[in-house]
């Protein structure tokens, strides 16, 4: 490899690590928890969570169950929940709102979606 090729390879490597560092790729920034707190007589909810960079897939969440996923980039993550004929979507992780929290907790109830950063204050 000549000097010019080595230099180009070096610049490309610096660029990739720079972008990865700004996005936070490769390390967990936070963990998002979604708990199904709907009434017991209802069917499980179908839950799908995504960001611009990652699709966490669809999951069936029974009453009382907690689904969690790791946030590895400083990007908006949103979730969609389907319960019977009801559909809802919300921002599960917002970098500006949640940047200094290692965990973001969501409780899905019949009367709404509730946010907590300590899993006790809603």
C-alpha atoms as a PDB file:
ATOM      1  CA  UNK A   1       0.000   0.000   0.000  1.00  0.00           C
ATOM      2  CA  UNK A   2       1.478   3.344  -0.963  1.00  0.00           C
ATOM      3  CA  UNK A   3       1.499   6.482   1.204  1.00  0.00           C
ATOM      4  CA  UNK A   4      -1.539   8.022  -0.502  1.00  0.00           C
ATOM      5  CA  UNK A   5      -3.696   4.885   0.028  1.00  0.00           C
ATOM      6  CA  UNK A   6      -2.673   4.720   3.682  1.00  0.00           C
ATOM      7  CA  UNK A   7      -3.614   8.376   4.133  1.00  0.00           C
ATOM      8  CA  UNK A   8      -7.062   7.870   2.526  1.00  0.00           C
ATOM      9  CA  UNK A   9      -7.675   4.779   4.675  1.00  0.00           C
ATOM     10  CA  UNK A  10      -6.690   6.779   7.767  1.00  0.00           C
ATOM     11  CA  UNK A  11      -9.107   9.621   6.869  1.00  0.00           C
ATOM     12  CA  UNK A  12     -11.966   7.179   6.242  1.00  0.00           C
ATOM     13  CA  UNK A  13     -11.307   5.490   9.613  1.00  0.00           C
ATOM     14  CA  UNK A  14     -11.294   8.842  11.432  1.00  0.00           C
ATOM     15  CA  UNK A  15     -14.581   9.788   9.750  1.00  0.00           C
ATOM     16  CA  UNK A  16     -16.275   6.501  10.685  1.00  0.00           C
ATOM     17  CA  UNK A  17     -15.176   6.699  14.331  1.00  0.00           C
ATOM     18  CA  UNK A  18     -16.207  10.355  14.480  1.00  0.00           C
ATOM     19  CA  UNK A  19     -19.725   9.642  13.208  1.00  0.00           C
ATOM     20  CA  UNK A  20     -20.072   6.580  15.454  1.00  0.00           C
ATOM     21  CA  UNK A  21     -18.962   8.644  18.462  1.00  0.00           C
ATOM     22  CA  UNK A  22     -21.467  11.426  17.778  1.00  0.00           C
ATOM     23  CA  UNK A  23     -24.309   8.959  17.375  1.00  0.00           C
ATOM     24  CA  UNK A  24     -23.226   6.944  20.389  1.00  0.00           C
ATOM     25  CA  UNK A  25     -23.071   3.761  18.320  1.00  0.00           C
ATOM     26  CA  UNK A  26     -21.575   0.723  19.960  1.00  0.00           C
ATOM     27  CA  UNK A  27     -22.381   1.607  23.556  1.00  0.00           C
ATOM     28  CA  UNK A  28     -25.641   1.572  25.445  1.00  0.00           C
ATOM     29  CA  UNK A  29     -26.852   5.077  26.273  1.00  0.00           C
ATOM     30  CA  UNK A  30     -30.048   4.039  28.058  1.00  0.00           C
ATOM     31  CA  UNK A  31     -32.508   1.198  28.495  1.00  0.00           C
ATOM     32  CA  UNK A  32     -36.182   1.726  27.689  1.00  0.00           C
ATOM     33  CA  UNK A  33     -38.708  -0.370  29.638  1.00  0.00           C
ATOM     34  CA  UNK A  34     -42.345  -0.759  28.567  1.00  0.00           C
ATOM     35  CA  UNK A  35     -44.691  -2.454  31.060  1.00  0.00           C
ATOM     36  CA  UNK A  36     -48.187  -3.651  30.188  1.00  0.00           C
ATOM     37  CA  UNK A  37     -50.392  -2.481  33.081  1.00  0.00           C
ATOM     38  CA  UNK A  38     -53.702  -2.944  31.284  1.00  0.00           C
ATOM     39  CA  UNK A  39     -56.601  -4.720  33.045  1.00  0.00           C
ATOM     40  CA  UNK A  40     -56.111  -8.491  33.323  1.00  0.00           C
ATOM     41  CA  UNK A  41     -59.193  -9.337  31.246  1.00  0.00           C
ATOM     42  CA  UNK A  42     -57.726  -7.666  28.127  1.00  0.00           C
ATOM     43  CA  UNK A  43     -55.662  -9.443  25.509  1.00  0.00           C
ATOM     44  CA  UNK A  44     -51.883  -8.921  25.339  1.00  0.00           C
ATOM     45  CA  UNK A  45     -50.715  -5.801  23.534  1.00  0.00           C
ATOM     46  CA  UNK A  46     -48.677  -5.963  20.351  1.00  0.00           C
ATOM     47  CA  UNK A  47     -45.658  -3.703  20.742  1.00  0.00           C
ATOM     48  CA  UNK A  48     -43.203  -2.507  18.115  1.00  0.00           C
ATOM     49  CA  UNK A  49     -40.324  -0.093  18.792  1.00  0.00           C
ATOM     50  CA  UNK A  50     -37.959   1.507  16.270  1.00  0.00           C
ATOM     51  CA  UNK A  51     -35.473   4.265  15.638  1.00  0.00           C
ATOM     52  CA  UNK A  52     -34.093   5.611  12.418  1.00  0.00           C
ATOM     53  CA  UNK A  53     -31.224   3.152  12.754  1.00  0.00           C
ATOM     54  CA  UNK A  54     -32.768   0.067  14.361  1.00  0.00           C
ATOM     55  CA  UNK A  55     -35.990  -1.910  14.220  1.00  0.00           C
ATOM     56  CA  UNK A  56     -36.542  -3.740  17.512  1.00  0.00           C
ATOM     57  CA  UNK A  57     -39.314  -5.857  15.998  1.00  0.00           C
ATOM     58  CA  UNK A  58     -42.823  -6.695  17.177  1.00  0.00           C
ATOM     59  CA  UNK A  59     -43.433  -8.275  20.577  1.00  0.00           C
ATOM     60  CA  UNK A  60     -46.471  -9.617  22.366  1.00  0.00           C
ATOM     61  CA  UNK A  61     -46.635  -8.159  25.862  1.00  0.00           C
ATOM     62  CA  UNK A  62     -48.961  -9.841  28.370  1.00  0.00           C
ATOM     63  CA  UNK A  63     -50.383  -7.996  31.360  1.00  0.00           C
ATOM     64  CA  UNK A  64     -47.656  -7.446  33.947  1.00  0.00           C
ATOM     65  CA  UNK A  65     -44.794  -8.137  31.517  1.00  0.00           C
ATOM     66  CA  UNK A  66     -41.931  -5.732  30.889  1.00  0.00           C
ATOM     67  CA  UNK A  67     -40.243  -5.388  27.494  1.00  0.00           C
ATOM     68  CA  UNK A  68     -36.938  -3.576  27.322  1.00  0.00           C
ATOM     69  CA  UNK A  69     -34.498  -2.506  24.645  1.00  0.00           C
ATOM     70  CA  UNK A  70     -31.184  -0.724  24.639  1.00  0.00           C
ATOM     71  CA  UNK A  71     -30.697   2.700  23.098  1.00  0.00           C
ATOM     72  CA  UNK A  72     -27.329   2.835  21.355  1.00  0.00           C
ATOM     73  CA  UNK A  73     -27.623   6.019  19.329  1.00  0.00           C
ATOM     74  CA  UNK A  74     -28.668   9.565  20.133  1.00  0.00           C
ATOM     75  CA  UNK A  75     -31.814   9.357  18.034  1.00  0.00           C
ATOM     76  CA  UNK A  76     -35.551   9.428  18.526  1.00  0.00           C
ATOM     77  CA  UNK A  77     -37.032   6.008  19.335  1.00  0.00           C
ATOM     78  CA  UNK A  78     -40.753   5.497  19.012  1.00  0.00           C
ATOM     79  CA  UNK A  79     -43.082   2.669  19.937  1.00  0.00           C
ATOM     80  CA  UNK A  80     -46.476   1.597  18.677  1.00  0.00           C
ATOM     81  CA  UNK A  81     -48.920  -0.433  20.743  1.00  0.00           C
ATOM     82  CA  UNK A  82     -52.013  -2.275  19.529  1.00  0.00           C
ATOM     83  CA  UNK A  83     -54.630  -3.473  21.992  1.00  0.00           C
ATOM     84  CA  UNK A  84     -57.760  -4.866  20.387  1.00  0.00           C
ATOM     85  CA  UNK A  85     -58.999  -2.096  18.078  1.00  0.00           C
ATOM     86  CA  UNK A  86     -56.954   0.647  19.763  1.00  0.00           C
ATOM     87  CA  UNK A  87     -53.625   1.820  18.333  1.00  0.00           C
ATOM     88  CA  UNK A  88     -51.228   4.287  19.942  1.00  0.00           C
ATOM     89  CA  UNK A  89     -47.782   5.627  19.116  1.00  0.00           C
ATOM     90  CA  UNK A  90     -45.384   7.587  21.337  1.00  0.00           C
ATOM     91  CA  UNK A  91     -41.790   8.746  21.595  1.00  0.00           C
ATOM     92  CA  UNK A  92     -40.237   6.144  23.874  1.00  0.00           C
ATOM     93  CA  UNK A  93     -36.811   7.818  23.909  1.00  0.00           C
ATOM     94  CA  UNK A  94     -36.196  11.459  23.021  1.00  0.00           C
ATOM     95  CA  UNK A  95     -32.550  12.538  23.204  1.00  0.00           C
ATOM     96  CA  UNK A  96     -33.369  16.059  24.478  1.00  0.00           C
ATOM     97  CA  UNK A  97     -35.789  14.801  27.121  1.00  0.00           C
ATOM     98  CA  UNK A  98     -33.997  11.621  28.205  1.00  0.00           C
ATOM     99  CA  UNK A  99     -30.263  12.270  27.550  1.00  0.00           C
ATOM    100  CA  UNK A 100     -29.187  12.203  31.201  1.00  0.00           C
ATOM    101  CA  UNK A 101     -31.215   9.146  32.268  1.00  0.00           C
ATOM    102  CA  UNK A 102     -29.819   5.611  32.091  1.00  0.00           C
ATOM    103  CA  UNK A 103     -33.338   4.157  32.144  1.00  0.00           C
ATOM    104  CA  UNK A 104     -36.673   5.323  30.744  1.00  0.00           C
ATOM    105  CA  UNK A 105     -39.778   3.548  32.058  1.00  0.00           C
ATOM    106  CA  UNK A 106     -43.162   3.498  30.357  1.00  0.00           C
ATOM    107  CA  UNK A 107     -46.329   2.102  31.918  1.00  0.00           C
ATOM    108  CA  UNK A 108     -49.144   1.333  29.468  1.00  0.00           C
ATOM    109  CA  UNK A 109     -52.509   1.676  31.187  1.00  0.00           C
ATOM    110  CA  UNK A 110     -56.103   1.916  30.041  1.00  0.00           C
ATOM    111  CA  UNK A 111     -56.078   5.696  30.528  1.00  0.00           C
ATOM    112  CA  UNK A 112     -52.729   6.453  28.873  1.00  0.00           C
ATOM    113  CA  UNK A 113     -48.969   6.049  28.706  1.00  0.00           C
ATOM    114  CA  UNK A 114     -46.983   7.148  31.735  1.00  0.00           C
ATOM    115  CA  UNK A 115     -43.310   8.128  31.839  1.00  0.00           C
ATOM    116  CA  UNK A 116     -40.880   7.679  34.736  1.00  0.00           C
ATOM    117  CA  UNK A 117     -37.112   7.815  35.094  1.00  0.00           C
ATOM    118  CA  UNK A 118     -37.051   6.025  38.460  1.00  0.00           C
ATOM    119  CA  UNK A 119     -39.875   3.476  38.004  1.00  0.00           C
ATOM    120  CA  UNK A 120     -41.773   4.922  40.964  1.00  0.00           C
ATOM    121  CA  UNK A 121     -42.721   8.553  40.187  1.00  0.00           C
ATOM    122  CA  UNK A 122     -45.212   8.661  37.309  1.00  0.00           C
END
